[in-house]
Amino acid sequence: MNRNQQNFSLTHVLRAAVCGIMLLAPAMVSAQVAPSAAEVARYSGLHAAAHRGDLAEIERLVAAKADLNARDPYGRTPLHVATYAGKVEAIRALAKAGANLGLLEKDRYDAVTIASVANNEDALRALLAAGASAKLVTSRYDGTALIAAAHLGHHGVVKQLIAAGAPLDHVNNLHWTALIESIVLGDGGPHHVETLRALVSAGANLQLADRNGNTPLRLAKTRGYRAMAEILEKAGAK
């Protein structure tokens, strides 16, 4: 295997790893785990109502003093469940009732990161409007919602998170920032280009390098991502 093939293989292993598929582990484990059909069938109370988006039942249970932050066996609260299910009105109702917006489930994801990975801009908007933080360190990669969204090229989500004060230059345990992930885990296409543009415009550090000393500009050039390289160069990247 030549050097280019090695780099290509490593990139795809890391891409899979950050998506939650641990190719180097004995078993394949998903980083974000939405409730399965079997789990949903066992839900009751607020978890069940949140999954269905049943506002009347949520209001009834809140009035009856149900635990807003109760956990299912995977550590998901009703807010997590509503976010996985994309039930925006349920998110609003739970937040208004006083649900803790920053709790992490078993794999250390909060509702903001769940909505960001799902590219659910409406759910994210509801969470941020209710006071959820875009600054939490989440996931087994010690990342942020912004890093996760940048990796996936969810540029609308990225712009919301930037506006909400997400840390632009947080470095995860792979030694990657949101800017770097938009390049090394992106495809160089329009969604990732727009993501990178948003990060650059917001003032992300253009010189922070990966653990091998590769700057964002060098990474973009190495991958042949011309549009990304042009944006970086115009902004003064070296």
Protein backbone atom coordinates (compact mmCIF):
# COMPACT_ATOMS: atom_id res chain seq x y z
CA MET A 1 0.00 0.00 0.00
CA ASN A 2 1.50 3.36 -1.00
CA ARG A 3 1.41 6.54 1.07
CA ASN A 4 -1.68 7.93 -0.68
CA GLN A 5 -3.56 4.69 -0.18
CA GLN A 6 -2.58 4.66 3.49
CA ASN A 7 -3.82 8.23 3.95
CA PHE A 8 -7.07 7.41 2.13
CA SER A 9 -7.65 4.34 4.30
CA LEU A 10 -6.87 6.20 7.50
CA THR A 11 -9.25 9.00 6.59
CA HIS A 12 -12.09 6.55 6.02
CA VAL A 13 -11.37 4.71 9.27
CA LEU A 14 -11.44 8.00 11.13
CA ARG A 15 -14.56 9.15 9.27
CA ALA A 16 -16.29 5.96 10.33
CA ALA A 17 -15.00 6.34 13.87
CA VAL A 18 -16.33 9.86 14.27
CA CYS A 19 -19.67 8.75 12.83
CA GLY A 20 -19.69 6.23 15.66
CA ILE A 21 -18.63 3.05 13.88
CA MET A 22 -15.67 1.78 15.81
CA LEU A 23 -13.94 -0.21 13.12
CA LEU A 24 -10.94 -0.88 15.32
CA ALA A 25 -13.01 -2.27 18.18
CA PRO A 26 -14.16 -5.89 18.58
CA ALA A 27 -17.78 -4.84 18.10
CA MET A 28 -19.38 -2.12 16.02
CA VAL A 29 -20.89 0.46 18.33
CA SER A 30 -23.04 3.39 17.29
CA ALA A 31 -22.07 6.68 18.92
CA GLN A 32 -25.57 8.14 18.81
CA VAL A 33 -28.26 5.62 19.57
CA ALA A 34 -31.85 6.65 18.98
CA PRO A 35 -34.51 4.66 20.84
CA SER A 36 -35.21 1.39 19.09
CA ALA A 37 -38.73 0.20 18.26
CA ALA A 38 -38.50 -2.24 21.16
CA GLU A 39 -37.49 0.51 23.56
CA VAL A 40 -40.26 2.79 22.34
CA ALA A 41 -42.78 0.00 22.87
CA ARG A 42 -41.70 -0.17 26.52
CA TYR A 43 -41.91 3.55 27.11
CA SER A 44 -44.51 4.98 29.43
CA GLY A 45 -45.18 8.34 30.98
CA LEU A 46 -43.23 11.31 29.69
CA HIS A 47 -40.91 9.21 27.55
CA ALA A 48 -43.86 7.80 25.62
CA ALA A 49 -45.57 11.18 25.34
CA ALA A 50 -42.34 12.85 24.20
CA HIS A 51 -41.77 10.25 21.52
CA ARG A 52 -45.31 10.71 20.19
CA GLY A 53 -45.22 14.48 20.54
CA ASP A 54 -48.40 14.24 22.61
CA LEU A 55 -48.66 17.74 24.06
CA ALA A 56 -51.84 17.13 26.01
CA GLU A 57 -50.29 14.13 27.75
CA ILE A 58 -47.09 16.02 28.44
CA GLU A 59 -49.10 18.82 30.04
CA ARG A 60 -51.10 16.33 32.10
CA LEU A 61 -47.97 14.57 33.33
CA VAL A 62 -46.21 17.84 34.11
CA ALA A 63 -49.20 18.94 36.16
CA ALA A 64 -49.03 15.61 37.98
CA LYS A 65 -45.37 16.33 38.87
CA ALA A 66 -43.84 13.64 36.68
CA ASP A 67 -40.05 13.61 36.69
CA LEU A 68 -39.04 15.78 33.74
CA ASN A 69 -35.51 14.37 33.78
CA ALA A 70 -36.29 10.68 34.23
CA ARG A 71 -33.87 8.37 32.43
CA ASP A 72 -34.52 5.33 30.29
CA PRO A 73 -31.99 2.44 30.52
CA TYR A 74 -29.77 4.23 27.98
CA GLY A 75 -29.80 7.44 29.98
CA ARG A 76 -32.16 9.29 27.67
CA THR A 77 -34.50 11.84 29.19
CA PRO A 78 -37.87 12.73 27.67
CA LEU A 79 -36.13 15.74 26.06
CA HIS A 80 -33.57 13.47 24.39
CA VAL A 81 -36.38 11.24 23.15
CA ALA A 82 -38.40 14.17 21.78
CA THR A 83 -35.29 15.45 20.01
CA TYR A 84 -34.47 12.07 18.47
CA ALA A 85 -38.09 11.89 17.30
CA GLY A 86 -38.00 15.42 15.90
CA LYS A 87 -41.01 16.51 17.95
CA VAL A 88 -40.37 20.23 18.11
CA GLU A 89 -43.49 21.19 20.06
CA ALA A 90 -42.74 18.50 22.61
CA ILE A 91 -39.24 19.95 22.99
CA ARG A 92 -40.75 23.37 23.63
CA ALA A 93 -43.26 22.00 26.13
CA LEU A 94 -40.64 20.07 28.09
CA ALA A 95 -38.27 23.04 28.12
CA LYS A 96 -41.04 25.39 29.27
CA ALA A 97 -41.92 22.94 32.05
CA GLY A 98 -38.34 23.08 33.32
CA ALA A 99 -36.58 20.06 31.83
CA ASN A 100 -32.81 20.18 32.20
CA LEU A 101 -31.59 21.10 28.71
CA GLY A 102 -27.97 20.13 29.24
CA LEU A 103 -28.14 16.54 30.44
CA LEU A 104 -26.05 13.95 28.59
CA GLU A 105 -27.24 10.44 27.78
CA LYS A 106 -25.11 7.30 28.02
CA ASP A 107 -22.89 8.22 25.07
CA ARG A 108 -22.53 11.79 26.33
CA TYR A 109 -24.83 13.49 23.85
CA ASP A 110 -27.06 16.38 24.83
CA ALA A 111 -30.20 17.42 22.99
CA VAL A 112 -28.36 20.19 21.09
CA THR A 113 -25.84 17.74 19.65
CA ILE A 114 -28.58 15.21 18.85
CA ALA A 115 -30.51 17.85 16.90
CA SER A 116 -27.32 19.04 15.20
CA VAL A 117 -26.32 15.58 14.01
CA ALA A 118 -29.86 15.03 12.72
CA ASN A 119 -29.64 18.33 10.80
CA ASN A 120 -32.93 19.30 12.43
CA GLU A 121 -32.73 23.07 12.33
CA ASP A 122 -36.22 23.55 13.80
CA ALA A 123 -35.45 21.36 16.81
CA LEU A 124 -32.12 23.09 17.32
CA ARG A 125 -33.75 26.51 17.07
CA ALA A 126 -36.32 25.52 19.70
CA LEU A 127 -33.63 24.24 22.06
CA LEU A 128 -31.43 27.31 21.71
CA ALA A 129 -34.41 29.65 22.11
CA ALA A 130 -35.28 27.83 25.32
CA GLY A 131 -31.79 28.45 26.69
CA ALA A 132 -29.90 25.28 25.80
CA SER A 133 -26.15 25.76 25.52
CA ALA A 134 -24.16 25.37 22.32
CA LYS A 135 -20.95 25.22 24.37
CA LEU A 136 -21.09 21.80 26.02
CA VAL A 137 -18.34 19.22 25.54
CA THR A 138 -20.13 16.12 24.32
CA SER A 139 -19.54 12.62 22.93
CA ARG A 140 -16.78 10.09 23.46
CA TYR A 141 -14.61 12.32 21.28
CA ASP A 142 -14.77 15.25 23.73
CA GLY A 143 -16.21 17.29 20.92
CA THR A 144 -19.01 19.79 20.55
CA ALA A 145 -22.24 20.09 18.60
CA LEU A 146 -20.39 22.46 16.25
CA ILE A 147 -17.69 19.90 15.48
CA ALA A 148 -20.32 17.23 14.84
CA ALA A 149 -22.29 19.50 12.50
CA ALA A 150 -19.16 20.67 10.67
CA HIS A 151 -18.09 17.07 10.12
CA LEU A 152 -21.43 16.35 8.45
CA GLY A 153 -21.62 19.56 6.43
CA HIS A 154 -24.80 20.75 8.14
CA HIS A 155 -24.10 24.39 7.33
CA GLY A 156 -27.46 25.74 8.49
CA VAL A 157 -26.95 24.10 11.86
CA VAL A 158 -23.36 25.37 11.95
CA LYS A 159 -24.57 28.94 11.45
CA GLN A 160 -27.12 28.59 14.26
CA LEU A 161 -24.50 27.20 16.62
CA ILE A 162 -22.02 29.95 15.77
CA ALA A 163 -24.70 32.57 16.46
CA ALA A 164 -25.37 30.86 19.80
CA GLY A 165 -21.74 31.20 20.86
CA ALA A 166 -20.42 27.72 20.15
CA PRO A 167 -16.65 27.55 20.74
CA LEU A 168 -15.10 27.93 17.30
CA ASP A 169 -11.70 26.49 18.14
CA HIS A 170 -12.46 23.63 20.52
CA VAL A 171 -10.07 20.75 19.89
CA ASN A 172 -11.47 17.23 20.36
CA ASN A 173 -9.51 14.17 21.39
CA LEU A 174 -8.69 13.41 17.76
CA HIS A 175 -6.95 16.80 17.80
CA TRP A 176 -9.41 18.25 15.30
CA THR A 177 -11.37 21.49 15.36
CA ALA A 178 -14.68 22.10 13.59
CA LEU A 179 -12.74 23.74 10.75
CA ILE A 180 -10.45 20.73 10.38
CA GLU A 181 -13.34 18.26 10.52
CA SER A 182 -15.18 20.10 7.76
CA ILE A 183 -12.16 19.28 5.59
CA VAL A 184 -10.86 15.88 6.69
CA LEU A 185 -14.27 14.29 7.22
CA GLY A 186 -16.03 16.22 4.49
CA ASP A 187 -16.25 15.54 0.78
CA GLY A 188 -15.21 18.95 -0.50
CA GLY A 189 -18.71 19.47 -1.87
CA PRO A 190 -20.98 22.52 -1.54
CA HIS A 191 -22.34 21.68 1.92
CA HIS A 192 -18.89 21.32 3.44
CA VAL A 193 -17.61 24.34 1.53
CA GLU A 194 -20.45 26.45 2.96
CA THR A 195 -19.70 25.04 6.40
CA LEU A 196 -16.04 26.01 6.13
CA ARG A 197 -17.00 29.45 4.79
CA ALA A 198 -19.24 30.04 7.82
CA LEU A 199 -16.49 29.03 10.23
CA VAL A 200 -13.90 31.20 8.51
CA SER A 201 -16.29 34.18 8.42
CA ALA A 202 -16.97 33.73 12.12
CA GLY A 203 -13.26 33.98 12.92
CA ALA A 204 -12.19 30.39 13.44
CA ASN A 205 -8.44 30.03 13.93
CA LEU A 206 -6.98 29.20 10.53
CA GLN A 207 -3.61 28.07 11.84
CA LEU A 208 -4.58 25.44 14.41
CA ALA A 209 -3.09 22.22 13.08
CA ASP A 210 -3.87 18.56 13.56
CA ARG A 211 -1.62 16.39 15.70
CA ASN A 212 0.66 15.86 12.71
CA GLY A 213 1.16 19.57 12.19
CA ASN A 214 -1.12 19.86 9.15
CA THR A 215 -2.91 23.19 8.92
CA PRO A 216 -6.42 23.46 7.47
CA LEU A 217 -4.99 24.92 4.26
CA ARG A 218 -2.54 22.08 3.83
CA LEU A 219 -5.27 19.54 4.52
CA ALA A 220 -7.57 21.13 1.93
CA LYS A 221 -4.80 21.25 -0.68
CA THR A 222 -3.74 17.67 0.00
CA ARG A 223 -7.29 16.49 -0.66
CA GLY A 224 -7.68 18.59 -3.78
CA TYR A 225 -10.48 20.67 -2.25
CA ARG A 226 -9.82 23.75 -4.37
CA ALA A 227 -12.82 25.81 -3.26
CA MET A 228 -11.95 25.28 0.39
CA ALA A 229 -8.31 26.14 -0.21
CA GLU A 230 -9.29 29.36 -2.00
CA ILE A 231 -11.49 30.45 0.92
CA LEU A 232 -8.71 29.73 3.39
CA GLU A 233 -6.04 31.48 1.35
CA LYS A 234 -8.22 34.56 0.85
CA ALA A 235 -8.70 34.70 4.63
CA GLY A 236 -4.93 34.60 5.21
CA ALA A 237 -4.40 30.93 6.05
CA LYS A 238 -0.89 29.56 5.69
